[in-house]
Protein backbone atom coordinates (compact mmCIF):
# COMPACT_ATOMS: atom_id res chain seq x y z
CA MET A 1 -3.66 -2.32 44.63
CA ASP A 2 -7.00 -0.48 44.74
CA LEU A 3 -5.41 2.54 43.07
CA ALA A 4 -4.06 0.37 40.25
CA ARG A 5 -7.49 -1.22 39.73
CA ARG A 6 -9.16 2.20 39.61
CA GLU A 7 -6.62 3.41 37.06
CA VAL A 8 -7.15 0.32 34.92
CA GLU A 9 -10.92 0.80 35.13
CA GLU A 10 -10.57 4.48 34.14
CA LEU A 11 -8.43 3.48 31.17
CA ARG A 12 -11.00 0.87 30.18
CA GLU A 13 -13.84 3.41 30.35
CA SER A 14 -11.84 5.93 28.33
CA TRP A 15 -11.04 3.27 25.74
CA LEU A 16 -14.72 2.29 25.47
CA LYS A 17 -15.73 5.95 24.98
CA GLN A 18 -13.11 6.43 22.27
CA ARG A 19 -14.18 3.25 20.54
CA GLU A 20 -17.80 4.44 20.55
CA LEU A 21 -16.73 7.75 19.00
CA PHE A 22 -14.86 5.86 16.28
CA LYS A 23 -17.94 3.75 15.60
CA ARG A 24 -20.03 6.88 15.14
CA LEU A 25 -17.44 8.22 12.72
CA GLU A 26 -17.51 4.93 10.84
CA ASN A 27 -21.25 5.15 10.35
CA ASP A 28 -20.98 8.74 9.18
CA LYS A 29 -17.91 8.53 6.96
CA LEU A 30 -17.83 5.22 5.10
CA SER A 31 -19.49 5.26 1.73
CA SER A 32 -20.89 2.14 0.16
CA ASN A 33 -17.73 1.92 -1.99
CA ASP A 34 -15.53 2.25 1.10
CA ARG A 35 -17.40 -0.51 2.92
CA GLN A 36 -16.95 -2.74 -0.15
CA ARG A 37 -13.22 -1.97 -0.21
CA VAL A 38 -12.91 -2.97 3.45
CA GLU A 39 -14.74 -6.22 2.66
CA ARG A 40 -12.41 -6.94 -0.27
CA LEU A 41 -9.39 -6.19 1.93
CA GLN A 42 -10.69 -8.61 4.55
CA HIS A 43 -11.28 -11.28 1.89
CA SER A 44 -7.77 -10.80 0.45
CA ILE A 45 -6.15 -11.05 3.87
CA ARG A 46 -8.06 -14.19 4.78
CA ALA A 47 -7.17 -15.89 1.48
CA GLN A 48 -3.50 -15.02 1.88
CA LEU A 49 -3.39 -16.16 5.50
CA THR A 50 -4.71 -19.52 4.37
CA SER A 51 -2.06 -19.82 1.66
CA TYR A 52 0.71 -18.72 4.05
CA GLY A 53 -0.15 -21.42 6.60
CA PHE A 54 -1.50 -19.10 9.33
CA LYS A 55 -2.29 -21.24 12.40
CA SER A 56 -2.90 -19.05 15.47
CA LEU A 57 -6.62 -18.97 14.66
CA GLU A 58 -8.89 -19.65 11.72
CA PRO A 59 -8.18 -17.14 8.93
CA SER A 60 -11.95 -16.76 8.49
CA GLU A 61 -12.07 -15.27 12.01
CA VAL A 62 -9.74 -12.39 11.11
CA GLU A 63 -11.69 -9.22 10.41
CA ILE A 64 -10.82 -5.67 9.45
CA ASP A 65 -11.98 -3.15 12.03
CA LYS A 66 -14.06 -0.56 10.22
CA THR A 67 -12.77 2.29 12.36
CA THR A 68 -9.04 1.57 12.54
CA TYR A 69 -8.73 -0.58 9.38
CA ARG A 70 -6.51 -2.93 11.35
CA PRO A 71 -6.86 -6.71 11.53
CA VAL A 72 -8.80 -7.81 14.60
CA HIS A 73 -10.28 -10.94 16.16
CA GLU A 74 -13.48 -10.58 18.16
CA GLY A 75 -12.94 -6.81 18.23
CA PHE A 76 -9.39 -6.93 19.61
CA ASP A 77 -6.18 -6.01 17.83
CA LEU A 78 -4.23 -9.10 16.85
CA GLY A 79 -0.84 -7.76 17.90
CA PHE A 80 -0.64 -9.71 21.15
CA ASP A 81 -2.44 -12.96 20.37
CA LEU A 82 -0.29 -14.39 17.59
CA SER A 83 2.92 -16.35 17.35
CA ALA A 84 5.82 -14.33 15.95
CA SER A 85 5.71 -16.20 12.63
CA ASP A 86 1.93 -15.73 12.32
CA MET A 87 2.34 -12.02 13.07
CA ILE A 88 4.75 -11.83 10.12
CA ARG A 89 2.23 -13.71 7.94
CA LEU A 90 -0.46 -11.23 8.98
CA ILE A 91 1.78 -8.29 8.10
CA TRP A 92 2.52 -9.79 4.68
CA ALA A 93 -1.19 -10.35 4.02
CA TYR A 94 -2.17 -6.88 5.20
CA LEU A 95 0.47 -5.10 3.11
CA PHE A 96 -0.46 -7.02 -0.03
CA GLY A 97 -4.16 -6.59 0.65
CA VAL A 98 -3.79 -2.81 0.93
CA LEU A 99 -1.68 -2.79 -2.25
CA GLU A 100 -4.25 -4.81 -4.19
CA ILE A 101 -7.22 -2.72 -3.07
CA GLY A 102 -5.26 0.47 -3.66
CA GLN A 103 -4.54 -0.52 -7.26
CA GLU A 104 -8.20 -0.96 -8.13
CA PRO A 105 -9.89 1.84 -10.08
CA GLY A 106 -10.18 4.83 -7.77
CA GLY A 107 -7.44 3.45 -5.51
CA ARG A 108 -4.53 5.54 -4.38
CA HIS A 109 -1.65 3.16 -3.75
CA LEU A 110 1.76 3.93 -5.17
CA GLY A 111 2.05 0.33 -6.34
CA LEU A 112 5.30 -0.35 -4.52
CA LEU A 113 6.11 -2.71 -1.65
CA ILE A 114 9.58 -3.21 -0.22
CA PHE A 115 10.35 -6.11 2.10
CA ASP A 116 13.56 -6.26 4.13
CA GLU A 117 14.17 -9.81 5.39
CA PRO A 118 10.51 -10.85 5.28
CA ARG A 119 11.36 -14.26 6.72
CA GLN A 120 12.91 -12.70 9.82
CA GLN A 121 10.80 -14.66 12.32
CA GLU A 122 11.75 -17.94 10.66
CA ALA A 123 8.42 -18.35 8.95
CA ALA A 124 8.19 -21.78 7.36
CA LYS A 125 9.78 -22.13 3.95
CA GLU A 126 6.39 -23.03 2.42
CA SER A 127 4.94 -19.79 3.81
CA TYR A 128 7.78 -17.85 2.23
CA ARG A 129 7.28 -19.72 -1.06
CA ALA A 130 3.59 -18.70 -1.00
CA LEU A 131 4.57 -15.09 -0.28
CA LEU A 132 6.95 -15.00 -3.25
CA ALA A 133 4.29 -16.54 -5.50
CA HIS A 134 1.77 -13.93 -4.37
CA ALA A 135 4.32 -11.17 -4.97
CA SER A 136 4.99 -12.48 -8.46
CA HIS A 137 1.32 -12.41 -9.41
CA THR A 138 0.83 -8.99 -7.83
CA GLY A 139 3.66 -7.81 -10.04
CA ASP A 140 1.70 -9.08 -13.04
CA ALA A 141 -0.90 -6.41 -12.20
CA GLY A 142 1.73 -3.67 -12.49
CA ALA A 143 2.99 -3.39 -8.92
CA GLN A 144 6.66 -3.33 -8.00
CA VAL A 145 7.52 -5.67 -5.13
CA LEU A 146 11.11 -5.66 -3.93
CA PHE A 147 12.68 -8.14 -1.52
CA ALA A 148 16.01 -7.79 0.27
CA THR A 149 16.79 -11.18 1.73
CA SER A 150 19.65 -13.31 2.93
CA GLU A 151 17.77 -16.46 1.87
CA PRO A 152 20.26 -18.80 0.13
CA LEU A 153 20.30 -18.29 -3.63
CA ASP A 154 19.53 -21.93 -4.47
CA SER A 155 16.53 -21.83 -2.17
CA LEU A 156 15.26 -18.62 -3.79
CA LYS A 157 15.69 -20.02 -7.28
CA ASP A 158 13.76 -23.11 -6.27
CA MET A 159 10.91 -21.07 -4.77
CA LEU A 160 10.73 -18.79 -7.82
CA ALA A 161 11.10 -21.53 -10.45
CA ASP A 162 7.45 -21.43 -11.53
CA HIS A 163 6.93 -17.67 -11.14
CA PRO A 164 8.07 -14.68 -13.16
CA ALA A 165 10.59 -12.64 -11.20
CA HIS A 166 13.66 -10.53 -11.78
CA LEU A 167 16.35 -11.80 -9.42
CA LEU A 168 19.25 -9.43 -8.79
CA VAL A 169 22.07 -11.02 -6.81
CA LEU A 170 24.61 -8.82 -5.07
CA ALA A 171 28.00 -10.07 -3.91
CA PRO A 172 28.72 -9.77 -0.18
CA GLY A 173 29.42 -6.13 0.61
CA GLU A 174 28.17 -4.93 -2.78
CA LYS A 175 25.69 -2.06 -2.65
CA LEU A 176 22.65 -1.59 -4.82
CA LEU A 177 23.08 2.18 -4.80
CA GLN A 178 26.37 3.36 -6.23
CA GLN A 179 27.93 6.79 -6.22
CA VAL A 180 27.59 8.50 -9.58
CA SER A 181 30.97 9.39 -11.03
């Protein structure tokens, strides 16, 4: 047991040293514009989390770490502290946030997001509705957002009723990519 404790303590010390090195890099590398981008990313994520019904903690407590650019709470990565459905909501918000910031002048995002079964953790239908609405408005800014989903067609049509979207329905077994003859 003592050996295990020593190993854990060594790992902790190593982690703290690495984190300090990252902090020094942050202070040296981030320009004023970069710091503003991180702030806008954080703001976008928080706003989306609110609209998606994020409940594991207050969206205003989610921050973007300025060394890893990952969402954190009180300095710790959020990967282990969230419900499965809130983790999915966080992923949605992060991906859209990066897309939005990357499409600003000087940004370098391709402008494409592809979601494969984004409701996989049974996120609430209202959360999914908010995601589709956000995707629709992001598309207004010139981005391409593609969804592959097994959500029932009537449900999708209902959720998209007030939002511009191009809905392509494939029959069971039909493939989007076809062999060229």
